[in-house]
């Protein structure tokens, strides 16, 4: 079985910095745990890209364990490519993830 590649949209790095800045202020001991849960969720997406149903055409999300964040991503079957487009708190409207997804290549 051919493996999928993962592409991280550049805007995701800003999302991750924002999340870590928040935890640095309120619970610095949680940063390492957050990083681990983020990486575990990315691995789940990598191994099973179709595990999560589409929220909208071409947009899926996977919830991180323990922390209230969604990792939004797209799949491109022909290129075997997963593109992570946003990492947002579950209470934030998904409009940002949708806008980023439509701006990225599928």
Protein backbone atom coordinates (compact mmCIF):
# COMPACT_ATOMS: atom_id res chain seq x y z
CA UNK A 1 0.00 0.00 0.00
CA UNK A 2 1.39 3.38 -1.01
CA UNK A 3 1.83 5.85 1.83
CA UNK A 4 0.37 9.32 1.77
CA UNK A 5 2.50 12.44 2.02
CA UNK A 6 1.63 15.21 4.45
CA UNK A 7 1.94 18.88 3.63
CA UNK A 8 1.57 21.48 6.37
CA UNK A 9 0.14 24.77 5.16
CA UNK A 10 2.43 27.63 6.33
CA UNK A 11 -0.47 29.23 8.25
CA UNK A 12 -0.60 26.16 10.51
CA UNK A 13 2.76 27.11 12.04
CA UNK A 14 1.13 30.37 13.22
CA UNK A 15 -1.77 28.38 14.68
CA UNK A 16 0.67 26.18 16.59
CA UNK A 17 2.66 29.18 17.86
CA UNK A 18 -0.58 30.81 19.07
CA UNK A 19 -1.65 27.63 20.88
CA UNK A 20 1.73 27.23 22.55
CA UNK A 21 1.80 30.91 23.55
CA UNK A 22 -1.56 30.42 25.23
CA UNK A 23 -0.38 27.37 27.17
CA UNK A 24 2.88 29.12 28.06
CA UNK A 25 0.73 31.77 29.82
CA UNK A 26 -1.85 29.54 31.52
CA UNK A 27 -0.28 26.09 31.94
CA UNK A 28 3.34 25.81 30.78
CA UNK A 29 3.54 22.23 32.01
CA UNK A 30 0.99 21.29 29.33
CA UNK A 31 3.05 22.35 26.30
CA UNK A 32 4.88 19.01 25.99
CA UNK A 33 1.61 17.12 26.40
CA UNK A 34 -0.05 19.33 23.78
CA UNK A 35 2.79 18.67 21.31
CA UNK A 36 2.50 14.93 21.88
CA UNK A 37 -1.29 14.92 21.33
CA UNK A 38 -0.91 17.06 18.20
CA UNK A 39 1.69 14.66 16.76
CA UNK A 40 -0.46 11.63 17.65
CA UNK A 41 -3.45 13.18 15.86
CA UNK A 42 -1.35 13.93 12.77
CA UNK A 43 -0.21 10.29 12.77
CA UNK A 44 -3.83 9.12 12.91
CA UNK A 45 -4.65 11.36 9.95
CA UNK A 46 -1.59 10.05 8.10
CA UNK A 47 -2.49 6.40 8.69
CA UNK A 48 -6.24 6.74 8.10
CA UNK A 49 -6.94 9.89 6.06
CA UNK A 50 -10.56 8.90 5.39
CA UNK A 51 -11.38 8.04 9.01
CA UNK A 52 -13.06 11.42 9.47
CA UNK A 53 -16.07 12.33 7.39
CA UNK A 54 -16.05 15.40 5.20
CA UNK A 55 -17.43 18.49 6.94
CA UNK A 56 -17.74 20.20 3.60
CA UNK A 57 -16.59 18.98 0.19
CA UNK A 58 -12.85 18.25 0.41
CA UNK A 59 -12.56 19.37 4.07
CA UNK A 60 -12.16 17.01 7.01
CA UNK A 61 -11.15 17.50 10.61
CA UNK A 62 -9.83 15.34 13.41
CA UNK A 63 -10.13 16.26 17.09
CA UNK A 64 -7.05 16.11 19.24
CA UNK A 65 -7.23 13.93 22.33
CA UNK A 66 -7.43 15.76 25.66
CA UNK A 67 -7.12 19.26 24.14
CA UNK A 68 -10.04 21.13 22.52
CA UNK A 69 -8.55 21.56 19.05
CA UNK A 70 -9.46 20.40 15.57
CA UNK A 71 -6.92 19.69 12.88
CA UNK A 72 -8.46 20.54 9.50
CA UNK A 73 -7.15 18.86 6.38
CA UNK A 74 -7.82 17.92 2.79
CA UNK A 75 -7.04 14.76 0.87
CA UNK A 76 -5.92 14.44 -2.74
CA UNK A 77 -6.35 10.81 -3.76
CA UNK A 78 -4.49 11.02 -7.06
CA UNK A 79 -1.45 12.71 -5.49
CA UNK A 80 -1.74 10.67 -2.26
CA UNK A 81 -1.42 13.99 -0.44
CA UNK A 82 -2.87 15.17 2.87
CA UNK A 83 -2.72 18.93 3.42
CA UNK A 84 -3.19 20.18 6.96
CA UNK A 85 -4.74 23.62 6.58
CA UNK A 86 -5.58 24.77 10.12
CA UNK A 87 -5.38 23.86 13.79
CA UNK A 88 -8.16 25.71 15.59
CA UNK A 89 -9.88 25.65 18.96
CA UNK A 90 -13.17 23.77 18.73
CA UNK A 91 -15.14 26.87 19.71
CA UNK A 92 -13.76 28.92 16.84
CA UNK A 93 -15.94 29.09 13.77
CA UNK A 94 -14.56 26.82 11.04
CA UNK A 95 -14.81 29.66 8.51
CA UNK A 96 -11.05 30.28 8.73
CA UNK A 97 -10.27 26.63 8.02
CA UNK A 98 -12.71 26.64 5.12
CA UNK A 99 -11.20 29.81 3.64
CA UNK A 100 -7.67 28.38 3.94
CA UNK A 101 -8.72 25.07 2.43
CA UNK A 102 -10.26 26.69 -0.60
CA UNK A 103 -7.10 28.75 -1.01
CA UNK A 104 -4.78 25.72 -0.91
CA UNK A 105 -4.22 23.28 -3.72
CA UNK A 106 -6.05 19.98 -3.48
